[in-house]
Amino acid sequence: MFGFSVAFIFSQIFVGISLILSVLSFQFKKRKTILLLLLLSAICIILQYILLERYVAATIVVVGFMRYLASYYYPKMFLVPIFICSFAILTFIFWKDIYDILPFLSASINTIGAFQKNDKYLRIIMLFGAPLLVIYYFLIGSPIGMALEGMFFVSNIIGYWRYYIHGKENK
């Protein structure tokens, strides 16, 4: 399942950089800072998927990059169905196997989260997308990808706890 070609090694380097950016993202309070770090992380994930020849996932993350960019500058909910339909079309066009449903579902959930004007709701909604990608990375054989999404999930929980549970107690 796990090959050690040059492409594989570079894919893991890119996803490792993405891991750092993703973990950092949820440790900030400001919604725009979270989204900016997720934008940078998306670039690394796109490169990783291309190197792994997972083009459905790569194209979904390209649209995800545009989603984060749009939600950064123009967080209007009417854009959500446009992005979800884009993800559905890309999944249909580039369908390789049943595994490709997982990045589609995760991207759809994360789209709803990205367009929340409040970082609290962004965090809560995005908690549901990460486990789907942990499974996806396992199925396609990317151990660092699994670590990325697992740490993304944990970082989100820690950030939520810091700002909305622990932070409340100290006010």
N, C-alpha and C. Protein backbone atom coordinates (compact mmCIF):
# COMPACT_ATOMS: atom_id res chain seq x y z
N MET A 1 0.82 -1.19 0.00
CA MET A 1 0.00 0.00 0.00
C MET A 1 0.87 1.26 0.00
N PHE A 2 1.91 1.32 0.80
CA PHE A 2 2.75 2.51 0.90
C PHE A 2 3.97 2.32 0.02
N GLY A 3 4.09 3.15 -1.04
CA GLY A 3 5.26 3.11 -1.90
C GLY A 3 6.24 4.19 -1.47
N PHE A 4 7.48 4.03 -1.84
CA PHE A 4 8.48 5.01 -1.44
C PHE A 4 9.16 5.63 -2.65
N SER A 5 8.40 6.00 -3.65
CA SER A 5 8.93 6.68 -4.82
C SER A 5 9.25 8.13 -4.44
N VAL A 6 9.94 8.81 -5.34
CA VAL A 6 10.27 10.22 -5.11
C VAL A 6 8.97 11.03 -4.98
N ALA A 7 7.99 10.74 -5.83
CA ALA A 7 6.71 11.45 -5.75
C ALA A 7 6.05 11.24 -4.39
N PHE A 8 6.10 10.01 -3.90
CA PHE A 8 5.51 9.72 -2.59
C PHE A 8 6.22 10.50 -1.49
N ILE A 9 7.54 10.50 -1.53
CA ILE A 9 8.30 11.21 -0.49
C ILE A 9 7.98 12.70 -0.51
N PHE A 10 7.96 13.31 -1.71
CA PHE A 10 7.62 14.73 -1.78
C PHE A 10 6.18 14.98 -1.36
N SER A 11 5.28 14.06 -1.69
CA SER A 11 3.89 14.22 -1.27
C SER A 11 3.79 14.28 0.25
N GLN A 12 4.59 13.47 0.91
CA GLN A 12 4.56 13.45 2.37
C GLN A 12 5.21 14.71 2.96
N ILE A 13 6.20 15.27 2.28
CA ILE A 13 6.80 16.54 2.72
C ILE A 13 5.76 17.65 2.64
N PHE A 14 5.05 17.72 1.50
CA PHE A 14 4.02 18.76 1.35
C PHE A 14 2.91 18.61 2.38
N VAL A 15 2.49 17.39 2.62
CA VAL A 15 1.42 17.20 3.59
C VAL A 15 1.94 17.48 5.01
N GLY A 16 3.23 17.28 5.23
CA GLY A 16 3.82 17.63 6.53
C GLY A 16 3.79 19.13 6.77
N ILE A 17 4.12 19.91 5.74
CA ILE A 17 4.03 21.37 5.85
C ILE A 17 2.59 21.77 6.08
N SER A 18 1.68 21.14 5.36
CA SER A 18 0.26 21.41 5.55
C SER A 18 -0.18 21.10 6.97
N LEU A 19 0.37 20.03 7.52
CA LEU A 19 0.05 19.64 8.89
C LEU A 19 0.39 20.78 9.86
N ILE A 20 1.57 21.35 9.72
CA ILE A 20 1.99 22.45 10.60
C ILE A 20 1.04 23.64 10.45
N LEU A 21 0.74 24.01 9.21
CA LEU A 21 -0.15 25.15 8.97
C LEU A 21 -1.56 24.89 9.51
N SER A 22 -2.05 23.67 9.31
CA SER A 22 -3.40 23.33 9.78
C SER A 22 -3.49 23.34 11.30
N VAL A 23 -2.48 22.77 11.95
CA VAL A 23 -2.47 22.74 13.42
C VAL A 23 -2.43 24.17 13.96
N LEU A 24 -1.60 25.00 13.35
CA LEU A 24 -1.51 26.40 13.80
C LEU A 24 -2.82 27.16 13.59
N SER A 25 -3.53 26.84 12.51
CA SER A 25 -4.71 27.63 12.14
C SER A 25 -5.72 27.75 13.26
N PHE A 26 -6.04 26.66 13.92
CA PHE A 26 -7.09 26.70 14.94
C PHE A 26 -6.60 27.18 16.30
N GLN A 27 -5.33 27.55 16.37
CA GLN A 27 -4.84 28.10 17.63
C GLN A 27 -4.97 29.63 17.65
N PHE A 28 -5.48 30.18 16.57
CA PHE A 28 -5.75 31.61 16.51
C PHE A 28 -7.24 31.85 16.70
N LYS A 29 -7.59 33.00 17.22
CA LYS A 29 -8.98 33.33 17.49
C LYS A 29 -9.67 33.93 16.27
N LYS A 30 -8.94 34.79 15.55
CA LYS A 30 -9.57 35.52 14.44
C LYS A 30 -9.89 34.58 13.28
N ARG A 31 -11.11 34.68 12.82
CA ARG A 31 -11.60 33.87 11.71
C ARG A 31 -10.71 34.04 10.48
N LYS A 32 -10.32 35.27 10.16
CA LYS A 32 -9.52 35.52 8.97
C LYS A 32 -8.13 34.91 9.08
N THR A 33 -7.56 34.87 10.27
CA THR A 33 -6.25 34.23 10.45
C THR A 33 -6.38 32.73 10.24
N ILE A 34 -7.44 32.15 10.79
CA ILE A 34 -7.70 30.72 10.58
C ILE A 34 -7.79 30.42 9.09
N LEU A 35 -8.58 31.21 8.37
CA LEU A 35 -8.79 30.98 6.94
C LEU A 35 -7.51 31.19 6.14
N LEU A 36 -6.70 32.18 6.49
CA LEU A 36 -5.45 32.43 5.77
C LEU A 36 -4.51 31.23 5.89
N LEU A 37 -4.37 30.69 7.09
CA LEU A 37 -3.51 29.52 7.27
C LEU A 37 -4.08 28.30 6.55
N LEU A 38 -5.41 28.18 6.52
CA LEU A 38 -6.02 27.07 5.77
C LEU A 38 -5.80 27.23 4.27
N LEU A 39 -5.76 28.48 3.78
CA LEU A 39 -5.44 28.72 2.37
C LEU A 39 -4.04 28.21 2.03
N LEU A 40 -3.07 28.56 2.86
CA LEU A 40 -1.70 28.11 2.63
C LEU A 40 -1.59 26.59 2.74
N SER A 41 -2.30 26.03 3.69
CA SER A 41 -2.32 24.58 3.87
C SER A 41 -2.91 23.90 2.63
N ALA A 42 -3.95 24.50 2.06
CA ALA A 42 -4.60 23.93 0.88
C ALA A 42 -3.63 23.82 -0.30
N ILE A 43 -2.77 24.81 -0.46
CA ILE A 43 -1.78 24.75 -1.55
C ILE A 43 -0.91 23.50 -1.40
N CYS A 44 -0.46 23.24 -0.19
CA CYS A 44 0.38 22.06 0.06
C CYS A 44 -0.39 20.76 -0.16
N ILE A 45 -1.64 20.75 0.24
CA ILE A 45 -2.46 19.54 0.06
C ILE A 45 -2.70 19.27 -1.42
N ILE A 46 -2.93 20.33 -2.20
CA ILE A 46 -3.11 20.16 -3.64
C ILE A 46 -1.88 19.47 -4.25
N LEU A 47 -0.72 19.97 -3.90
CA LEU A 47 0.52 19.38 -4.42
C LEU A 47 0.67 17.92 -3.99
N GLN A 48 0.30 17.64 -2.75
CA GLN A 48 0.39 16.27 -2.24
C GLN A 48 -0.51 15.33 -3.05
N TYR A 49 -1.76 15.74 -3.26
CA TYR A 49 -2.69 14.89 -4.00
C TYR A 49 -2.24 14.67 -5.45
N ILE A 50 -1.72 15.71 -6.07
CA ILE A 50 -1.23 15.56 -7.45
C ILE A 50 -0.10 14.54 -7.49
N LEU A 51 0.82 14.63 -6.55
CA LEU A 51 1.93 13.68 -6.50
C LEU A 51 1.46 12.25 -6.24
N LEU A 52 0.35 12.09 -5.51
CA LEU A 52 -0.22 10.76 -5.26
C LEU A 52 -1.17 10.31 -6.36
N GLU A 53 -1.34 11.16 -7.40
CA GLU A 53 -2.24 10.90 -8.52
C GLU A 53 -3.68 10.71 -8.06
N ARG A 54 -4.08 11.49 -7.09
CA ARG A 54 -5.46 11.48 -6.60
C ARG A 54 -6.10 12.79 -7.07
N TYR A 55 -6.53 12.78 -8.34
CA TYR A 55 -6.95 14.00 -9.00
C TYR A 55 -8.31 14.51 -8.54
N VAL A 56 -9.20 13.62 -8.13
CA VAL A 56 -10.48 14.08 -7.57
C VAL A 56 -10.20 14.91 -6.33
N ALA A 57 -9.41 14.36 -5.44
CA ALA A 57 -9.09 15.08 -4.21
C ALA A 57 -8.36 16.38 -4.52
N ALA A 58 -7.41 16.36 -5.47
CA ALA A 58 -6.67 17.58 -5.83
C ALA A 58 -7.60 18.66 -6.36
N THR A 59 -8.50 18.28 -7.26
CA THR A 59 -9.41 19.29 -7.81
C THR A 59 -10.38 19.79 -6.75
N ILE A 60 -10.80 18.91 -5.86
CA ILE A 60 -11.67 19.35 -4.77
C ILE A 60 -10.94 20.35 -3.89
N VAL A 61 -9.67 20.12 -3.62
CA VAL A 61 -8.93 21.06 -2.77
C VAL A 61 -8.66 22.37 -3.52
N VAL A 62 -8.51 22.33 -4.86
CA VAL A 62 -8.39 23.58 -5.63
C VAL A 62 -9.65 24.41 -5.44
N VAL A 63 -10.79 23.77 -5.57
CA VAL A 63 -12.05 24.49 -5.33
C VAL A 63 -12.15 24.89 -3.86
N GLY A 64 -11.65 24.03 -2.97
CA GLY A 64 -11.61 24.37 -1.55
C GLY A 64 -10.75 25.59 -1.29
N PHE A 65 -9.64 25.69 -2.00
CA PHE A 65 -8.79 26.88 -1.90
C PHE A 65 -9.59 28.12 -2.30
N MET A 66 -10.32 28.01 -3.43
CA MET A 66 -11.15 29.14 -3.88
C MET A 66 -12.25 29.43 -2.86
N ARG A 67 -12.79 28.38 -2.24
CA ARG A 67 -13.81 28.53 -1.20
C ARG A 67 -13.25 29.33 -0.03
N TYR A 68 -12.06 28.95 0.46
CA TYR A 68 -11.46 29.69 1.58
C TYR A 68 -11.17 31.13 1.18
N LEU A 69 -10.72 31.32 -0.06
CA LEU A 69 -10.45 32.67 -0.54
C LEU A 69 -11.73 33.49 -0.58
N ALA A 70 -12.79 32.91 -1.13
CA ALA A 70 -14.09 33.61 -1.19
C ALA A 70 -14.62 33.89 0.21
N SER A 71 -14.55 32.90 1.10
CA SER A 71 -15.10 33.10 2.45
C SER A 71 -14.26 34.08 3.26
N TYR A 72 -12.99 34.21 2.91
CA TYR A 72 -12.11 35.17 3.58
C TYR A 72 -12.56 36.60 3.26
N TYR A 73 -12.84 36.86 1.97
CA TYR A 73 -13.19 38.21 1.54
C TYR A 73 -14.69 38.47 1.48
N TYR A 74 -15.48 37.42 1.29
CA TYR A 74 -16.91 37.61 1.04
C TYR A 74 -17.70 36.45 1.65
N PRO A 75 -17.86 36.44 2.98
CA PRO A 75 -18.51 35.29 3.65
C PRO A 75 -20.04 35.31 3.54
N LYS A 76 -20.55 35.06 2.36
CA LYS A 76 -21.99 35.06 2.12
C LYS A 76 -22.47 33.63 1.89
N MET A 77 -23.49 33.23 2.64
CA MET A 77 -23.97 31.84 2.60
C MET A 77 -24.52 31.41 1.24
N PHE A 78 -24.94 32.35 0.40
CA PHE A 78 -25.47 31.94 -0.90
C PHE A 78 -24.39 31.28 -1.77
N LEU A 79 -23.12 31.47 -1.41
CA LEU A 79 -22.03 30.83 -2.15
C LEU A 79 -21.86 29.35 -1.80
N VAL A 80 -22.36 28.94 -0.64
CA VAL A 80 -22.18 27.56 -0.17
C VAL A 80 -22.69 26.53 -1.18
N PRO A 81 -23.95 26.63 -1.66
CA PRO A 81 -24.41 25.62 -2.62
C PRO A 81 -23.62 25.63 -3.93
N ILE A 82 -23.11 26.79 -4.32
CA ILE A 82 -22.30 26.87 -5.54
C ILE A 82 -21.04 26.03 -5.38
N PHE A 83 -20.38 26.17 -4.24
CA PHE A 83 -19.16 25.39 -4.00
C PHE A 83 -19.47 23.91 -3.84
N ILE A 84 -20.54 23.57 -3.14
CA ILE A 84 -20.89 22.15 -2.97
C ILE A 84 -21.23 21.52 -4.32
N CYS A 85 -21.96 22.23 -5.16
CA CYS A 85 -22.25 21.72 -6.51
C CYS A 85 -20.96 21.55 -7.32
N SER A 86 -20.03 22.49 -7.16
CA SER A 86 -18.73 22.37 -7.84
C SER A 86 -18.00 21.11 -7.39
N PHE A 87 -18.02 20.85 -6.07
CA PHE A 87 -17.39 19.63 -5.55
C PHE A 87 -18.06 18.39 -6.11
N ALA A 88 -19.39 18.41 -6.22
CA ALA A 88 -20.12 17.25 -6.74
C ALA A 88 -19.77 17.01 -8.21
N ILE A 89 -19.71 18.07 -9.00
CA ILE A 89 -19.37 17.93 -10.42
C ILE A 89 -17.96 17.39 -10.58
N LEU A 90 -17.02 17.94 -9.82
CA LEU A 90 -15.63 17.46 -9.91
C LEU A 90 -15.51 16.00 -9.49
N THR A 91 -16.23 15.64 -8.45
CA THR A 91 -16.20 14.24 -8.00
C THR A 91 -16.73 13.33 -9.10
N PHE A 92 -17.80 13.73 -9.75
CA PHE A 92 -18.38 12.94 -10.84
C PHE A 92 -17.40 12.82 -12.02
N ILE A 93 -16.81 13.95 -12.41
CA ILE A 93 -15.90 13.96 -13.57
C ILE A 93 -14.65 13.11 -13.34
N PHE A 94 -14.07 13.25 -12.16
CA PHE A 94 -12.78 12.60 -11.89
C PHE A 94 -12.90 11.31 -11.07
N TRP A 95 -14.10 10.80 -10.93
CA TRP A 95 -14.34 9.62 -10.10
C TRP A 95 -13.38 8.49 -10.45
N LYS A 96 -12.70 7.98 -9.44
CA LYS A 96 -11.78 6.85 -9.63
C LYS A 96 -12.31 5.61 -8.92
N ASP A 97 -12.77 5.79 -7.69
CA ASP A 97 -13.30 4.68 -6.92
C ASP A 97 -14.19 5.22 -5.80
N ILE A 98 -14.78 4.32 -5.05
CA ILE A 98 -15.72 4.69 -4.00
C ILE A 98 -15.09 5.59 -2.94
N TYR A 99 -13.78 5.49 -2.80
CA TYR A 99 -13.08 6.33 -1.81
C TYR A 99 -13.28 7.82 -2.08
N ASP A 100 -13.51 8.16 -3.36
CA ASP A 100 -13.62 9.57 -3.74
C ASP A 100 -14.83 10.27 -3.14
N ILE A 101 -15.76 9.54 -2.59
CA ILE A 101 -16.91 10.16 -1.93
C ILE A 101 -16.48 10.86 -0.64
N LEU A 102 -15.44 10.37 0.00
CA LEU A 102 -15.02 10.93 1.29
C LEU A 102 -14.50 12.37 1.19
N PRO A 103 -13.59 12.70 0.24
CA PRO A 103 -13.20 14.10 0.14
C PRO A 103 -14.36 15.00 -0.26
N PHE A 104 -15.29 14.47 -1.06
CA PHE A 104 -16.46 15.27 -1.43
C PHE A 104 -17.28 15.62 -0.19
N LEU A 105 -17.58 14.63 0.64
CA LEU A 105 -18.37 14.89 1.85
C LEU A 105 -17.64 15.83 2.81
N SER A 106 -16.35 15.61 2.98
CA SER A 106 -15.56 16.47 3.86
C SER A 106 -15.54 17.91 3.34
N ALA A 107 -15.33 18.07 2.04
CA ALA A 107 -15.29 19.41 1.44
C ALA A 107 -16.63 20.11 1.60
N SER A 108 -17.71 19.38 1.47
CA SER A 108 -19.04 19.97 1.63
C SER A 108 -19.25 20.46 3.06
N ILE A 109 -18.86 19.65 4.02
CA ILE A 109 -18.98 20.04 5.43
C ILE A 109 -18.10 21.25 5.72
N ASN A 110 -16.86 21.21 5.25
CA ASN A 110 -15.94 22.32 5.50
C ASN A 110 -16.37 23.60 4.81
N THR A 111 -17.08 23.49 3.70
CA THR A 111 -17.61 24.67 3.03
C THR A 111 -18.64 25.37 3.90
N ILE A 112 -19.53 24.60 4.48
CA ILE A 112 -20.52 25.18 5.38
C ILE A 112 -19.81 25.87 6.54
N GLY A 113 -18.78 25.23 7.08
CA GLY A 113 -18.02 25.82 8.18
C GLY A 113 -17.29 27.09 7.78
N ALA A 114 -16.65 27.09 6.61
CA ALA A 114 -15.84 28.23 6.19
C ALA A 114 -16.65 29.50 6.03
N PHE A 115 -17.91 29.37 5.69
CA PHE A 115 -18.73 30.55 5.46
C PHE A 115 -19.46 31.04 6.71
N GLN A 116 -19.18 30.45 7.84
CA GLN A 116 -19.74 30.95 9.09
C GLN A 116 -19.03 32.24 9.45
N LYS A 117 -19.77 33.24 9.87
CA LYS A 117 -19.16 34.52 10.22
C LYS A 117 -18.52 34.48 11.60
N ASN A 118 -18.88 33.49 12.39
CA ASN A 118 -18.38 33.36 13.75
C ASN A 118 -17.41 32.19 13.80
N ASP A 119 -16.21 32.42 14.35
CA ASP A 119 -15.22 31.34 14.39
C ASP A 119 -15.68 30.16 15.23
N LYS A 120 -16.55 30.39 16.20
CA LYS A 120 -17.04 29.29 17.04
C LYS A 120 -17.79 28.27 16.19
N TYR A 121 -18.68 28.74 15.33
CA TYR A 121 -19.44 27.83 14.48
C TYR A 121 -18.57 27.23 13.39
N LEU A 122 -17.61 27.99 12.88
CA LEU A 122 -16.64 27.47 11.92
C LEU A 122 -15.95 26.25 12.51
N ARG A 123 -15.49 26.38 13.76
CA ARG A 123 -14.78 25.29 14.44
C ARG A 123 -15.68 24.06 14.63
N ILE A 124 -16.89 24.28 15.12
CA ILE A 124 -17.80 23.16 15.40
C ILE A 124 -18.12 22.38 14.13
N ILE A 125 -18.46 23.09 13.07
CA ILE A 125 -18.84 22.41 11.83
C ILE A 125 -17.66 21.67 11.22
N MET A 126 -16.49 22.29 11.24
CA MET A 126 -15.31 21.65 10.63
C MET A 126 -14.84 20.41 11.40
N LEU A 127 -15.30 20.24 12.63
CA LEU A 127 -14.96 19.02 13.37
C LEU A 127 -15.47 17.77 12.67
N PHE A 128 -16.53 17.91 11.89
CA PHE A 128 -17.15 16.74 11.26
C PHE A 128 -16.51 16.35 9.93
N GLY A 129 -15.72 17.25 9.33
CA GLY A 129 -15.07 16.92 8.06
C GLY A 129 -13.78 16.14 8.20
N ALA A 130 -13.02 16.44 9.25
CA ALA A 130 -11.69 15.83 9.42
C ALA A 130 -11.72 14.30 9.54
N PRO A 131 -12.62 13.71 10.32
CA PRO A 131 -12.61 12.23 10.42
C PRO A 131 -12.81 11.53 9.07
N LEU A 132 -13.57 12.15 8.18
CA LEU A 132 -13.77 11.54 6.86
C LEU A 132 -12.45 11.49 6.09
N LEU A 133 -11.64 12.53 6.24
CA LEU A 133 -10.36 12.54 5.54
C LEU A 133 -9.32 11.64 6.21
N VAL A 134 -9.44 11.42 7.51
CA VAL A 134 -8.56 10.44 8.17
C VAL A 134 -8.78 9.08 7.52
N ILE A 135 -10.04 8.72 7.34
CA ILE A 135 -10.38 7.45 6.70
C ILE A 135 -9.87 7.42 5.25
N TYR A 136 -10.09 8.51 4.52
CA TYR A 136 -9.64 8.60 3.13
C TYR A 136 -8.13 8.40 3.02
N TYR A 137 -7.38 9.12 3.84
CA TYR A 137 -5.92 8.98 3.81
C TYR A 137 -5.48 7.56 4.14
N PHE A 138 -6.17 6.92 5.05
CA PHE A 138 -5.85 5.52 5.36
C PHE A 138 -6.06 4.65 4.12
N LEU A 139 -7.20 4.84 3.47
CA LEU A 139 -7.54 4.02 2.31
C LEU A 139 -6.61 4.23 1.13
N ILE A 140 -6.08 5.46 0.95
CA ILE A 140 -5.18 5.71 -0.19
C ILE A 140 -3.71 5.55 0.18
N GLY A 141 -3.43 5.26 1.44
CA GLY A 141 -2.06 4.96 1.86
C GLY A 141 -1.18 6.16 2.12
N SER A 142 -1.70 7.17 2.79
CA SER A 142 -0.91 8.35 3.12
C SER A 142 -0.85 8.52 4.64
N PRO A 143 0.19 7.99 5.28
CA PRO A 143 0.26 8.06 6.74
C PRO A 143 0.36 9.48 7.28
N ILE A 144 1.11 10.34 6.58
CA ILE A 144 1.21 11.71 7.08
C ILE A 144 -0.11 12.44 6.85
N GLY A 145 -0.82 12.09 5.79
CA GLY A 145 -2.15 12.66 5.57
C GLY A 145 -3.09 12.31 6.71
N MET A 146 -3.00 11.06 7.17
CA MET A 146 -3.81 10.64 8.32
C MET A 146 -3.43 11.47 9.55
N ALA A 147 -2.14 11.65 9.75
CA ALA A 147 -1.68 12.46 10.89
C ALA A 147 -2.16 13.89 10.75
N LEU A 148 -2.10 14.43 9.53
CA LEU A 148 -2.56 15.80 9.27
C LEU A 148 -3.99 15.99 9.73
N GLU A 149 -4.87 15.15 9.24
CA GLU A 149 -6.29 15.33 9.57
C GLU A 149 -6.57 15.01 11.03
N GLY A 150 -5.87 14.03 11.58
CA GLY A 150 -6.03 13.74 13.01
C GLY A 150 -5.60 14.92 13.87
N MET A 151 -4.46 15.52 13.51
CA MET A 151 -3.98 16.67 14.27
C MET A 151 -4.83 17.91 14.02
N PHE A 152 -5.36 18.05 12.80
CA PHE A 152 -6.28 19.14 12.48
C PHE A 152 -7.49 19.05 13.40
N PHE A 153 -8.01 17.85 13.54
CA PHE A 153 -9.16 17.59 14.41
C PHE A 153 -8.83 17.95 15.86
N VAL A 154 -7.70 17.45 16.35
CA VAL A 154 -7.29 17.71 17.74
C VAL A 154 -7.02 19.19 17.96
N SER A 155 -6.36 19.83 17.00
CA SER A 155 -6.07 21.26 17.12
C SER A 155 -7.36 22.07 17.20
N ASN A 156 -8.34 21.67 16.40
CA ASN A 156 -9.63 22.35 16.42
C ASN A 156 -10.27 22.21 17.81
N ILE A 157 -10.24 21.02 18.37
CA ILE A 157 -10.80 20.80 19.71
C ILE A 157 -10.06 21.64 20.75
N ILE A 158 -8.72 21.65 20.66
CA ILE A 158 -7.93 22.44 21.62
C ILE A 158 -8.25 23.92 21.49
N GLY A 159 -8.32 24.42 20.25
CA GLY A 159 -8.67 25.83 20.03
C GLY A 159 -10.05 26.16 20.57
N TYR A 160 -11.00 25.28 20.31
CA TYR A 160 -12.35 25.49 20.83
C TYR A 160 -12.33 25.53 22.36
N TRP A 161 -11.64 24.59 22.95
CA TRP A 161 -11.54 24.54 24.42
C TRP A 161 -10.89 25.82 24.95
N ARG A 162 -9.80 26.26 24.34
CA ARG A 162 -9.09 27.46 24.81
C ARG A 162 -9.97 28.70 24.77
N TYR A 163 -10.73 28.86 23.69
CA TYR A 163 -11.49 30.09 23.51
C TYR A 163 -12.91 30.04 24.05
N TYR A 164 -13.52 28.86 24.09
CA TYR A 164 -14.94 28.80 24.43
C TYR A 164 -15.27 28.02 25.69
N ILE A 165 -14.37 27.23 26.20
CA ILE A 165 -14.63 26.51 27.45
C ILE A 165 -13.72 27.05 28.54
N HIS A 166 -12.43 26.91 28.36
CA HIS A 166 -11.46 27.42 29.35
C HIS A 166 -11.52 28.94 29.43
N GLY A 167 -11.65 29.60 28.29
CA GLY A 167 -11.71 31.06 28.25
C GLY A 167 -12.90 31.62 29.01
N LYS A 168 -14.02 30.90 28.98
CA LYS A 168 -15.22 31.33 29.72
C LYS A 168 -14.99 31.27 31.22
N GLU A 169 -14.28 30.23 31.66
CA GLU A 169 -14.04 30.05 33.09
C GLU A 169 -13.17 31.16 33.65
N ASN A 170 -12.31 31.71 32.83
CA ASN A 170 -11.36 32.71 33.30
C ASN A 170 -11.86 34.14 33.13
N LYS A 171 -13.08 34.32 32.73
CA LYS A 171 -13.62 35.68 32.55
C LYS A 171 -14.37 36.13 33.77
